[in-house]
Amino acid sequence: MISSLSEWVINMNNLSIECIWEDIDFFEIEVTAQSELICAKVKSYTTEVSIIELASRLADFPRNFSDNYIWKNGEKGDSATPFVSFEFWCEDELGHIIIEVYMELDDGGSLAKHNCCFFIKTEIGLLNSFGKALNLLKKQGIGEKITLN
């Protein structure tokens, strides 16, 4: 049973990245994001360098209260695999973090038209742990799944 609103928010807000295919220079990830209102999932290709950059920034985010970070994976539009981006910022000085998730949805329609954008809420400690764990994504290989909350 959920005992508080804070616990409910953490349970409903989630982000996971799973390695589902790999090659020497790049790999395919499945990103699943869930807020109180929406849950979306997409598969996209990325590189180890891109994941390492995301991991290192999240491991010590935020560096100050006005810190903001945007991670972009791919290019928007129909010319590539689905684009995914995360923007991170501080909601307040109590350690609450907002993540704006943007995903193009590969549901058979135009990626430029079929997309979603929504917020996920988390806390600094959970985000830092998620960032540190992301380093395992490529090292552990196919089936490795890193979860935020």
Protein backbone atom coordinates (compact mmCIF):
# COMPACT_ATOMS: atom_id res chain seq x y z
CA MET A 1 0.00 0.00 0.00
CA ILE A 2 1.27 3.47 -0.86
CA SER A 3 1.50 5.61 2.24
CA SER A 4 2.23 9.09 0.89
CA LEU A 5 1.87 11.30 -2.16
CA SER A 6 5.67 11.39 -2.55
CA GLU A 7 5.81 7.58 -2.68
CA TRP A 8 2.99 7.58 -5.25
CA VAL A 9 4.82 10.07 -7.48
CA ILE A 10 8.02 7.99 -7.36
CA ASN A 11 6.12 4.77 -8.12
CA MET A 12 4.26 6.32 -11.07
CA ASN A 13 7.25 8.19 -12.52
CA ASN A 14 9.74 5.87 -14.12
CA LEU A 15 12.35 5.73 -16.84
CA SER A 16 14.18 2.64 -18.06
CA ILE A 17 16.73 1.98 -20.77
CA GLU A 18 17.40 -1.58 -21.91
CA CYS A 19 20.03 -2.87 -24.34
CA ILE A 20 18.18 -5.09 -26.83
CA TRP A 21 20.75 -5.49 -29.63
CA GLU A 22 24.43 -4.67 -30.05
CA ASP A 23 27.19 -4.38 -32.60
CA ILE A 24 30.78 -3.21 -32.25
CA ASP A 25 30.15 0.54 -32.65
CA PHE A 26 26.52 0.99 -31.68
CA PHE A 27 23.58 -0.73 -30.03
CA GLU A 28 19.81 -0.66 -29.90
CA ILE A 29 18.03 0.46 -26.76
CA GLU A 30 14.43 0.29 -25.67
CA VAL A 31 13.42 3.39 -23.72
CA THR A 32 10.32 3.20 -21.55
CA ALA A 33 9.06 6.33 -19.80
CA GLN A 34 6.05 6.62 -17.51
CA SER A 35 4.43 9.54 -15.73
CA GLU A 36 1.14 9.80 -13.86
CA LEU A 37 -0.62 10.38 -17.19
CA ILE A 38 1.24 8.51 -19.92
CA CYS A 39 3.51 5.57 -20.64
CA ALA A 40 5.53 5.43 -23.86
CA LYS A 41 8.08 3.00 -25.25
CA VAL A 42 10.38 3.28 -28.25
CA LYS A 43 13.38 1.48 -29.72
CA SER A 44 16.29 3.58 -30.94
CA TYR A 45 19.94 3.16 -31.88
CA THR A 46 22.68 4.83 -29.87
CA THR A 47 26.42 4.70 -29.27
CA GLU A 48 28.48 3.88 -26.24
CA VAL A 49 29.86 7.45 -26.30
CA SER A 50 26.34 8.89 -26.10
CA ILE A 51 25.40 6.67 -23.14
CA ILE A 52 28.69 7.46 -21.36
CA GLU A 53 27.97 11.19 -21.76
CA LEU A 54 24.46 10.75 -20.31
CA ALA A 55 25.78 8.60 -17.47
CA SER A 56 28.53 11.03 -16.46
CA ARG A 57 26.21 14.07 -16.43
CA LEU A 58 23.51 12.30 -14.42
CA ALA A 59 25.93 10.78 -11.90
CA ASP A 60 26.52 14.24 -10.39
CA PHE A 61 23.48 16.23 -11.56
CA PRO A 62 22.76 18.96 -10.59
CA ARG A 63 25.98 20.85 -10.08
CA ASN A 64 23.96 23.83 -8.84
CA PHE A 65 20.28 24.75 -8.53
CA SER A 66 20.13 26.37 -11.98
CA ASP A 67 21.82 23.42 -13.71
CA ASN A 68 20.05 22.15 -16.82
CA TYR A 69 21.06 19.28 -19.10
CA ILE A 70 19.61 18.03 -22.40
CA TRP A 71 20.48 14.61 -23.83
CA LYS A 72 19.52 14.02 -27.46
CA ASN A 73 19.68 10.65 -29.15
CA GLY A 74 19.37 10.84 -32.91
CA GLU A 75 17.81 13.38 -35.23
CA LYS A 76 14.16 14.46 -35.29
CA GLY A 77 12.11 13.50 -38.31
CA ASP A 78 11.46 10.66 -40.67
CA SER A 79 14.98 10.24 -42.03
CA ALA A 80 16.36 8.15 -39.15
CA THR A 81 15.36 5.88 -36.29
CA PRO A 82 13.09 7.36 -33.60
CA PHE A 83 14.50 10.39 -31.82
CA VAL A 84 14.56 10.47 -28.01
CA SER A 85 15.56 13.35 -25.74
CA PHE A 86 15.60 14.04 -22.02
CA GLU A 87 15.87 17.49 -20.45
CA PHE A 88 16.73 17.64 -16.74
CA TRP A 89 16.32 20.54 -14.29
CA CYS A 90 15.68 21.22 -10.61
CA GLU A 91 12.07 21.67 -9.59
CA ASP A 92 12.95 23.09 -6.19
CA GLU A 93 15.80 23.32 -3.69
CA LEU A 94 14.62 20.18 -1.85
CA GLY A 95 16.18 17.83 -4.41
CA HIS A 96 13.22 17.25 -6.70
CA ILE A 97 14.11 16.90 -10.38
CA ILE A 98 11.95 17.24 -13.49
CA ILE A 99 12.74 15.27 -16.64
CA GLU A 100 11.04 16.33 -19.84
CA VAL A 101 10.84 13.26 -22.07
CA TYR A 102 10.38 13.62 -25.83
CA MET A 103 9.94 10.51 -27.98
CA GLU A 104 9.09 9.88 -31.58
CA LEU A 105 6.76 6.89 -31.70
CA ASP A 106 7.43 4.13 -34.22
CA ASP A 107 3.80 3.06 -34.63
CA GLY A 108 3.65 3.03 -38.42
CA GLY A 109 2.97 6.73 -38.85
CA SER A 110 5.32 9.58 -39.63
CA LEU A 111 7.86 10.01 -36.81
CA ALA A 112 7.57 13.78 -37.29
CA LYS A 113 3.85 13.62 -36.49
CA HIS A 114 3.69 10.69 -34.07
CA ASN A 115 5.52 11.79 -30.95
CA CYS A 116 4.93 12.68 -27.33
CA CYS A 117 6.40 14.99 -24.72
CA PHE A 118 5.76 14.76 -20.98
CA PHE A 119 7.32 15.20 -17.54
CA ILE A 120 8.73 12.61 -15.16
CA LYS A 121 9.47 13.58 -11.56
CA THR A 122 12.31 12.12 -9.50
CA GLU A 123 14.82 12.99 -6.80
CA ILE A 124 18.54 13.78 -6.95
CA GLY A 125 19.74 10.58 -5.28
CA LEU A 126 17.67 8.35 -7.57
CA LEU A 127 18.86 10.25 -10.65
CA ASN A 128 22.51 10.03 -9.58
CA SER A 129 22.20 6.26 -9.01
CA PHE A 130 20.55 5.87 -12.41
CA GLY A 131 23.41 7.78 -14.03
CA LYS A 132 26.05 5.59 -12.39
CA ALA A 133 24.19 2.41 -13.39
CA LEU A 134 23.97 3.49 -17.05
CA ASN A 135 27.66 2.65 -17.44
CA LEU A 136 26.65 -1.03 -17.19
CA LEU A 137 24.36 -0.82 -20.22
CA LYS A 138 26.97 -1.60 -22.87
CA LYS A 139 29.30 -3.57 -20.59
CA GLN A 140 26.65 -6.09 -19.52
CA GLY A 141 25.23 -6.45 -23.02
CA ILE A 142 21.87 -7.56 -24.37
CA GLY A 143 19.15 -7.75 -21.76
CA GLU A 144 20.74 -5.24 -19.35
CA LYS A 145 18.02 -2.86 -18.15
CA ILE A 146 18.68 0.26 -16.08
CA THR A 147 15.70 1.71 -14.20
CA LEU A 148 15.37 5.15 -12.61
CA ASN A 149 12.70 4.65 -9.91
